[in-house]
Amino acid sequence: MGEPFNSRRMMNKSRPSPPARPRTIAQTRRERIPDPRAAGATTPVTFRPIHTRRAFEEICERIREQLALGVLKPGDKLPPERDLAQQLGVSRNVLREALRSLEMAGILRLRKGVKGGAFIREGDTGRMNEVMRDMLSLGTISVRELSEARINVIDLVVRLACVAARQRDFEALEANIERTDVATREGRLLDRVECSREFYKLLAESTGNKVIAMMVNSVTEIHMRFVYAKVASSGAATPRLTDKRRQFLAALRARDVTAATKLMRIHVESVQRMLELDPGSMSLHVALAEVQQPGLHR
């Protein structure tokens, strides 16, 4: 006998098949990109950067913004800790962390006691000296680069001073030269080193440019450590220093840029040669050592 009749099977056979759905672009792309896990390959793990800041960093930024806008000025006192924490919506511990950070940055001065609080500081130009020393410690800059920069920056200082120096600047430099002369005659060579440090500070200030003055002071502070080490160890000192200083000051008063620049360049290069004859006096150790001589401190 034949196979029994199955109407459902006949209906399925006679029903036309539905048309195939068009392939989407996403399906096509998925097929084209191989799955690295299937092939046994390894892919490096990458993370998207996080843009949110820690709370204390945000507090620091808010206070810096108020400084930039002129709302806060040197000498101003911030609101009491409790009020400030409430305004910022942070805990007092987080606020203290931010204030300590700003204190380390030289922006705030934190005082204790009844009249204490957080006060905006005057600009501390000495912090640039610390940055320079840290860069030397980390190897970011070398002693050689520092010395080369000093020679060229002083060229610029002399040119600017010939234009901008005022009578009081000349008088301050002249008084410094007289102190240098007395220290030389009395054999106080280390005191004479301090006079030299002050001389370059006064010269830089005579330009009227605070940025340049900071740069000169920073490199001079470290350079004078080399001079101090050389003088302390060997007693060597630049001969006829006061005569050279007086010749330079005369050219500066006359606004003679060519003569003043030449005289200063000859002097600083001669000091550099004297130091280079004794590599030990220009070591990184000397640059970073704590020096007890007044004025030559960190």
Protein backbone atom coordinates (compact mmCIF):
# COMPACT_ATOMS: atom_id res chain seq x y z
CA MET A 1 0.00 0.00 0.00
CA GLY A 2 1.18 3.51 -0.64
CA GLU A 3 2.15 6.09 1.96
CA PRO A 4 -0.87 7.60 3.74
CA PHE A 5 -2.01 10.93 2.52
CA ASN A 6 -0.72 13.87 4.59
CA SER A 7 -2.56 17.04 3.79
CA ARG A 8 -0.26 19.19 6.00
CA ARG A 9 2.81 18.00 4.12
CA MET A 10 1.15 18.77 0.81
CA MET A 11 0.21 22.22 2.01
CA ASN A 12 3.79 22.93 3.08
CA LYS A 13 5.13 21.80 -0.24
CA SER A 14 2.69 23.83 -2.19
CA ARG A 15 3.17 27.06 -0.11
CA PRO A 16 5.73 29.30 -1.72
CA SER A 17 8.88 30.12 0.36
CA PRO A 18 9.03 33.67 1.80
CA PRO A 19 11.44 35.99 0.01
CA ALA A 20 14.91 36.34 1.62
CA ARG A 21 15.39 39.49 3.73
CA PRO A 22 17.93 41.94 2.40
CA ARG A 23 21.27 41.85 4.29
CA THR A 24 21.90 44.89 6.40
CA ILE A 25 25.15 46.87 6.35
CA ALA A 26 25.80 45.99 10.00
CA GLN A 27 25.53 42.25 9.21
CA THR A 28 27.93 42.60 6.32
CA ARG A 29 30.46 44.49 8.49
CA ARG A 30 30.26 41.90 11.25
CA GLU A 31 31.13 39.20 8.76
CA ARG A 32 34.06 41.16 7.36
CA ILE A 33 35.69 41.82 10.78
CA PRO A 34 37.24 38.65 12.12
CA ASP A 35 36.80 37.89 15.80
CA PRO A 36 40.28 37.93 17.33
CA ARG A 37 39.16 35.58 20.09
CA ALA A 38 38.27 32.94 17.50
CA ALA A 39 41.73 33.12 15.98
CA GLY A 40 43.44 32.95 19.36
CA ALA A 41 44.93 36.47 18.97
CA THR A 42 45.39 38.88 21.85
CA THR A 43 44.52 42.56 21.65
CA PRO A 44 45.93 45.26 23.96
CA VAL A 45 43.56 46.55 26.60
CA THR A 46 42.77 50.23 26.17
CA PHE A 47 40.76 52.57 28.34
CA ARG A 48 39.10 55.83 27.57
CA PRO A 49 40.51 58.77 29.56
CA ILE A 50 38.64 59.89 32.63
CA HIS A 51 37.97 63.61 32.56
CA THR A 52 36.58 64.06 36.05
CA ARG A 53 38.92 65.70 38.57
CA ARG A 54 39.47 64.90 42.18
CA ALA A 55 37.58 67.24 44.44
CA PHE A 56 40.63 68.98 45.91
CA GLU A 57 41.95 69.74 42.39
CA GLU A 58 38.62 71.32 41.50
CA ILE A 59 38.80 73.46 44.65
CA CYS A 60 42.30 74.63 43.73
CA GLU A 61 41.10 75.54 40.26
CA ARG A 62 38.16 77.53 41.65
CA ILE A 63 40.47 79.58 43.88
CA ARG A 64 42.91 80.16 41.03
CA GLU A 65 40.03 81.38 38.86
CA GLN A 66 39.11 83.96 41.49
CA LEU A 67 42.73 85.14 41.50
CA ALA A 68 42.77 85.41 37.70
CA LEU A 69 39.53 87.41 37.74
CA GLY A 70 40.90 89.79 40.36
CA VAL A 71 38.23 88.86 42.90
CA LEU A 72 40.99 87.65 45.23
CA LYS A 73 44.16 89.68 45.71
CA PRO A 74 47.36 89.31 47.73
CA GLY A 75 46.61 89.80 51.42
CA ASP A 76 42.95 88.74 51.14
CA LYS A 77 41.63 86.16 53.58
CA LEU A 78 39.49 83.26 52.39
CA PRO A 79 36.16 82.57 54.16
CA PRO A 80 36.34 80.46 57.33
CA GLU A 81 36.95 76.78 56.70
CA ARG A 82 33.43 75.69 57.64
CA ASP A 83 31.78 78.33 55.43
CA LEU A 84 34.09 77.65 52.49
CA ALA A 85 33.50 73.90 52.67
CA GLN A 86 29.75 74.50 52.70
CA GLN A 87 29.91 76.87 49.71
CA LEU A 88 31.93 74.35 47.71
CA GLY A 89 29.85 71.38 48.80
CA VAL A 90 32.83 69.36 50.04
CA SER A 91 34.00 67.94 53.34
CA ARG A 92 36.38 69.92 55.49
CA ASN A 93 39.05 67.22 55.06
CA VAL A 94 38.94 67.63 51.28
CA LEU A 95 39.08 71.39 51.65
CA ARG A 96 42.14 71.16 53.92
CA GLU A 97 43.89 69.00 51.33
CA ALA A 98 43.26 71.67 48.70
CA LEU A 99 44.46 74.48 50.96
CA ARG A 100 47.66 72.61 51.80
CA SER A 101 48.26 72.06 48.09
CA LEU A 102 47.87 75.78 47.40
CA GLU A 103 50.19 76.56 50.31
CA MET A 104 52.88 74.32 48.81
CA ALA A 105 52.37 76.07 45.47
CA GLY A 106 53.10 79.40 47.14
CA ILE A 107 49.60 80.79 46.62
CA LEU A 108 48.30 80.64 50.17
CA ARG A 109 49.74 81.24 53.61
CA LEU A 110 47.99 79.24 56.32
CA ARG A 111 48.04 80.76 59.79
CA LYS A 112 46.87 79.24 63.03
CA GLY A 113 45.31 80.93 66.04
CA VAL A 114 42.54 83.42 66.65
CA LYS A 115 43.64 85.65 63.79
CA GLY A 116 44.57 82.73 61.60
CA GLY A 117 43.10 81.44 58.37
CA ALA A 118 44.05 81.09 54.71
CA PHE A 119 45.55 84.24 53.18
CA ILE A 120 46.52 84.98 49.58
CA ARG A 121 50.29 85.44 49.40
CA GLU A 122 52.31 87.94 47.47
CA GLY A 123 54.00 86.38 44.45
CA ASP A 124 56.97 84.31 45.63
CA THR A 125 59.68 84.64 42.97
CA GLY A 126 61.94 82.38 45.02
CA ARG A 127 59.87 79.38 44.01
CA MET A 128 61.48 79.51 40.60
CA ASN A 129 64.80 78.74 42.30
CA GLU A 130 63.29 75.57 43.72
CA VAL A 131 61.94 74.57 40.32
CA MET A 132 65.38 75.05 38.78
CA ARG A 133 67.02 72.94 41.47
CA ASP A 134 64.41 70.22 41.06
CA MET A 135 64.99 70.16 37.30
CA LEU A 136 68.72 69.73 37.93
CA SER A 137 68.01 66.92 40.39
CA LEU A 138 65.80 65.12 37.87
CA GLY A 139 68.30 65.56 35.05
CA THR A 140 65.87 67.64 33.00
CA ILE A 141 68.54 70.31 32.59
CA SER A 142 72.32 70.11 32.97
CA VAL A 143 74.81 72.34 34.72
CA ARG A 144 76.31 73.15 31.31
CA GLU A 145 72.93 74.31 29.96
CA LEU A 146 72.39 76.42 33.04
CA SER A 147 75.75 78.18 32.64
CA GLU A 148 75.21 78.78 28.94
CA ALA A 149 71.74 80.20 29.58
CA ARG A 150 73.08 82.55 32.24
CA ILE A 151 75.71 84.07 29.94
CA ASN A 152 73.18 84.75 27.19
CA VAL A 153 70.42 86.00 29.49
CA ILE A 154 72.82 88.49 31.09
CA ASP A 155 73.57 89.85 27.61
CA LEU A 156 69.87 90.60 27.28
CA VAL A 157 69.72 92.10 30.77
CA VAL A 158 72.55 94.53 30.04
CA ARG A 159 70.90 95.70 26.81
CA LEU A 160 67.59 96.30 28.57
CA ALA A 161 69.24 97.95 31.57
CA CYS A 162 71.02 100.43 29.29
CA VAL A 163 67.59 101.65 28.24
CA ALA A 164 65.48 101.22 31.36
CA ALA A 165 67.78 101.77 34.35
CA ARG A 166 67.00 104.79 36.50
CA GLN A 167 69.14 106.94 38.79
CA ARG A 168 68.20 104.91 41.86
CA ASP A 169 69.34 101.75 40.06
CA PHE A 170 72.72 103.32 39.33
CA GLU A 171 73.04 104.37 42.96
CA ALA A 172 72.17 100.89 44.22
CA LEU A 173 74.77 99.33 41.92
CA GLU A 174 77.36 101.88 42.96
CA ALA A 175 76.75 101.15 46.65
CA ASN A 176 77.12 97.46 45.93
CA ILE A 177 80.47 98.06 44.22
CA GLU A 178 81.70 100.01 47.26
CA ARG A 179 80.78 97.08 49.54
CA THR A 180 82.57 94.75 47.17
CA ASP A 181 85.66 96.95 47.34
CA VAL A 182 85.67 96.93 51.16
CA ALA A 183 85.22 93.14 51.30
CA THR A 184 88.09 92.71 48.82
CA ARG A 185 90.50 94.95 50.74
CA GLU A 186 89.66 93.21 54.00
CA GLY A 187 90.15 89.77 52.46
CA ARG A 188 86.53 88.70 53.05
CA LEU A 189 86.26 86.82 49.79
CA LEU A 190 83.14 84.84 50.68
CA ASP A 191 81.36 88.08 51.57
CA ARG A 192 82.46 89.34 48.17
CA VAL A 193 80.64 86.38 46.59
CA GLU A 194 77.48 87.53 48.32
CA CYS A 195 78.06 91.04 46.94
CA SER A 196 78.29 89.55 43.45
CA ARG A 197 75.01 87.72 43.90
CA GLU A 198 73.38 90.98 44.96
CA PHE A 199 74.97 92.84 42.04
CA TYR A 200 73.28 90.64 39.45
CA LYS A 201 70.00 90.86 41.34
CA LEU A 202 70.14 94.67 41.25
CA LEU A 203 71.15 94.67 37.60
CA ALA A 204 68.24 92.40 36.68
CA GLU A 205 65.80 94.59 38.61
CA SER A 206 67.03 97.66 36.74
CA THR A 207 65.50 96.25 33.53
CA GLY A 208 62.02 96.82 34.96
CA ASN A 209 61.02 93.36 33.72
CA LYS A 210 60.00 91.03 36.56
CA VAL A 211 60.02 87.91 34.40
CA ILE A 212 63.60 88.48 33.29
CA ALA A 213 64.57 89.35 36.87
CA MET A 214 63.18 86.00 38.07
CA MET A 215 65.11 84.13 35.39
CA VAL A 216 68.37 85.88 36.24
CA ASN A 217 67.91 85.37 39.97
CA SER A 218 67.22 81.66 39.51
CA VAL A 219 70.28 80.89 37.42
CA THR A 220 72.47 83.27 39.44
CA GLU A 221 71.46 81.63 42.72
CA ILE A 222 72.83 78.30 41.51
CA HIS A 223 75.82 79.83 39.68
CA MET A 224 76.93 81.56 42.88
CA ARG A 225 77.04 78.18 44.57
CA PHE A 226 79.76 77.21 42.11
CA VAL A 227 81.65 80.44 42.75
CA TYR A 228 81.27 80.02 46.50
CA ALA A 229 82.60 76.43 46.35
CA LYS A 230 85.58 77.53 44.24
CA VAL A 231 86.49 80.46 46.49
CA ALA A 232 85.98 78.44 49.69
CA SER A 233 88.17 75.55 48.51
CA SER A 234 91.00 77.44 46.81
CA GLY A 235 90.77 81.08 47.78
CA ALA A 236 90.74 81.96 44.08
CA ALA A 237 88.87 85.11 43.16
CA THR A 238 88.40 87.28 40.11
CA PRO A 239 91.21 89.88 40.08
CA ARG A 240 90.38 93.58 39.84
CA LEU A 241 86.68 92.86 40.27
CA THR A 242 85.76 96.32 41.60
CA ASP A 243 87.64 98.05 38.77
CA LYS A 244 85.70 95.97 36.23
CA ARG A 245 82.45 96.73 38.00
CA ARG A 246 83.14 100.49 37.91
CA GLN A 247 84.00 100.42 34.20
CA PHE A 248 80.78 98.55 33.51
CA LEU A 249 78.69 100.96 35.59
CA ALA A 250 80.20 103.93 33.74
CA ALA A 251 79.15 102.38 30.41
CA LEU A 252 75.71 101.62 31.83
CA ARG A 253 75.23 105.21 32.99
CA ALA A 254 76.25 106.42 29.54
CA ARG A 255 73.65 104.09 27.99
CA ASP A 256 76.47 102.65 25.88
CA VAL A 257 74.98 99.28 24.94
CA THR A 258 78.00 98.08 22.96
CA ALA A 259 80.58 98.87 25.64
CA ALA A 260 78.45 97.67 28.56
CA THR A 261 77.56 94.39 26.83
CA LYS A 262 81.18 93.73 25.87
CA LEU A 263 82.53 94.44 29.36
CA MET A 264 79.97 92.19 31.02
CA ARG A 265 80.45 89.39 28.50
CA ILE A 266 84.21 89.42 29.02
CA HIS A 267 83.74 89.22 32.78
CA VAL A 268 81.15 86.42 32.92
CA GLU A 269 83.10 84.33 30.42
CA SER A 270 86.31 84.75 32.42
CA VAL A 271 84.50 83.57 35.58
CA GLN A 272 83.13 80.61 33.64
CA ARG A 273 86.62 79.63 32.46
CA MET A 274 87.92 79.86 36.03
CA LEU A 275 85.19 77.49 37.21
CA GLU A 276 85.69 75.03 34.37
CA LEU A 277 89.34 74.60 35.36
CA ASP A 278 88.02 72.93 38.51
CA PRO A 279 85.27 70.48 37.46
CA GLY A 280 84.55 69.66 41.11
CA SER A 281 83.34 73.18 41.77
CA MET A 282 80.74 72.88 38.99
CA SER A 283 79.35 69.49 39.98
CA LEU A 284 75.69 68.70 40.43
CA HIS A 285 76.44 68.04 44.09
CA VAL A 286 77.56 71.65 44.55
CA ALA A 287 74.49 72.98 42.77
CA LEU A 288 72.13 71.05 45.02
CA ALA A 289 73.98 71.32 48.33
CA GLU A 290 72.67 73.45 51.14
CA VAL A 291 74.95 76.46 51.56
CA GLN A 292 75.15 78.24 54.88
CA GLN A 293 76.48 81.53 53.51
CA PRO A 294 73.84 84.29 53.99
CA GLY A 295 71.90 84.88 50.79
CA LEU A 296 72.93 81.56 49.26
CA HIS A 297 70.12 79.47 50.62
CA ARG A 298 67.39 77.50 48.97
